[in-house]
Amino acid sequence: MPKKSKRRNVFGILSRENEYKSFSTIGSMNADVLIKFLDEFAKEIKEKTVIILDNAPFHHAKIFKNKTKEWQKVDLYVWYLPSYSRISI
């Protein structure tokens, strides 16, 4: 029987100018991984930036919520889709 491959997760950010920035990881996506991605991204922004997230449980983890205050100091803001939204990401 073939060995099952590890899961790859990709997190992407798209600008208004259609510039795409991606981050990927092997294994599960969680708050720690997302924080690492957004910390890296926060170093690159040059103007006020809003990240729109769905309501995955780890997007609301205490460690993640605490980090949002730090990102706001560099003009990176997190906004959540409503729990019911017709918008698909």
Protein backbone atom coordinates (compact mmCIF):
# COMPACT_ATOMS: atom_id res chain seq x y z
CA MET A 1 0.00 0.00 0.00
CA PRO A 2 1.42 3.45 -0.92
CA LYS A 3 2.50 5.67 1.93
CA LYS A 4 0.13 8.59 2.52
CA SER A 5 1.77 11.96 1.83
CA LYS A 6 1.82 14.71 4.43
CA ARG A 7 -0.73 17.47 4.21
CA ARG A 8 0.36 20.79 2.66
CA ASN A 9 -1.51 23.94 3.65
CA VAL A 10 -1.26 27.19 1.72
CA PHE A 11 -2.22 30.60 3.06
CA GLY A 12 -2.46 33.38 0.49
CA ILE A 13 -2.76 37.14 0.58
CA LEU A 14 -4.02 39.10 -2.43
CA SER A 15 -3.59 42.87 -2.74
CA ARG A 16 -5.91 45.32 -4.45
CA GLU A 17 -3.37 45.41 -7.27
CA ASN A 18 -3.65 41.60 -7.65
CA GLU A 19 -0.22 40.96 -6.14
CA TYR A 20 -0.19 37.55 -4.50
CA LYS A 21 1.89 36.52 -1.49
CA SER A 22 1.74 32.92 -0.35
CA PHE A 23 2.95 30.95 2.62
CA SER A 24 2.87 27.18 2.92
CA THR A 25 3.49 24.57 5.55
CA ILE A 26 3.57 20.80 5.77
CA GLY A 27 1.21 19.57 8.47
CA SER A 28 -1.70 21.16 10.23
CA MET A 29 -2.56 24.83 10.00
CA ASN A 30 -2.93 26.37 13.46
CA ALA A 31 -2.65 29.69 15.28
CA ASP A 32 1.14 29.40 15.72
CA VAL A 33 1.69 28.83 12.00
CA LEU A 34 -0.63 31.69 11.01
CA ILE A 35 1.09 34.04 13.50
CA LYS A 36 4.46 33.16 11.96
CA PHE A 37 3.14 33.96 8.46
CA LEU A 38 1.54 37.24 9.52
CA ASP A 39 4.62 38.32 11.52
CA GLU A 40 6.68 37.87 8.35
CA PHE A 41 4.08 39.69 6.24
CA ALA A 42 3.83 42.58 8.76
CA LYS A 43 7.53 43.37 8.17
CA GLU A 44 6.81 43.98 4.48
CA ILE A 45 3.75 46.24 4.54
CA LYS A 46 4.17 49.91 3.76
CA GLU A 47 0.61 51.15 4.31
CA LYS A 48 -2.49 50.31 6.32
CA THR A 49 -3.42 46.71 5.52
CA VAL A 50 -6.48 44.61 6.39
CA ILE A 51 -6.41 40.81 6.42
CA ILE A 52 -9.83 39.17 6.04
CA LEU A 53 -10.21 35.78 7.69
CA ASP A 54 -12.97 33.24 7.88
CA ASN A 55 -13.97 31.80 11.23
CA ALA A 56 -11.66 28.80 11.51
CA PRO A 57 -11.34 28.04 15.24
CA PHE A 58 -7.61 28.86 15.35
CA HIS A 59 -8.32 32.35 13.95
CA HIS A 60 -10.01 33.04 17.30
CA ALA A 61 -7.40 31.40 19.54
CA LYS A 62 -6.34 33.53 22.49
CA ILE A 63 -2.70 33.57 21.34
CA PHE A 64 -3.82 34.85 17.92
CA LYS A 65 -6.21 37.48 19.31
CA ASN A 66 -3.44 38.79 21.60
CA LYS A 67 -1.12 39.19 18.62
CA THR A 68 -3.56 41.43 16.74
CA LYS A 69 -2.79 44.35 19.08
CA GLU A 70 0.90 44.12 18.14
CA TRP A 71 0.10 44.05 14.41
CA GLN A 72 -2.14 47.09 14.73
CA LYS A 73 0.92 49.08 15.84
CA VAL A 74 2.37 48.51 12.33
CA ASP A 75 -0.99 49.12 10.58
CA LEU A 76 -1.91 45.47 10.02
CA TYR A 77 -5.53 44.80 10.96
CA VAL A 78 -7.53 41.58 11.12
CA TRP A 79 -11.18 41.53 10.07
CA TYR A 80 -13.45 38.49 10.24
CA LEU A 81 -16.18 37.47 7.86
CA PRO A 82 -19.57 37.12 9.54
CA SER A 83 -20.29 33.61 10.78
CA TYR A 84 -22.71 33.24 7.89
CA SER A 85 -21.46 34.79 4.69
CA ARG A 86 -22.17 34.23 1.03
CA ILE A 87 -18.57 35.19 0.31
CA SER A 88 -16.40 32.16 -0.26
CA ILE A 89 -12.69 32.33 0.26
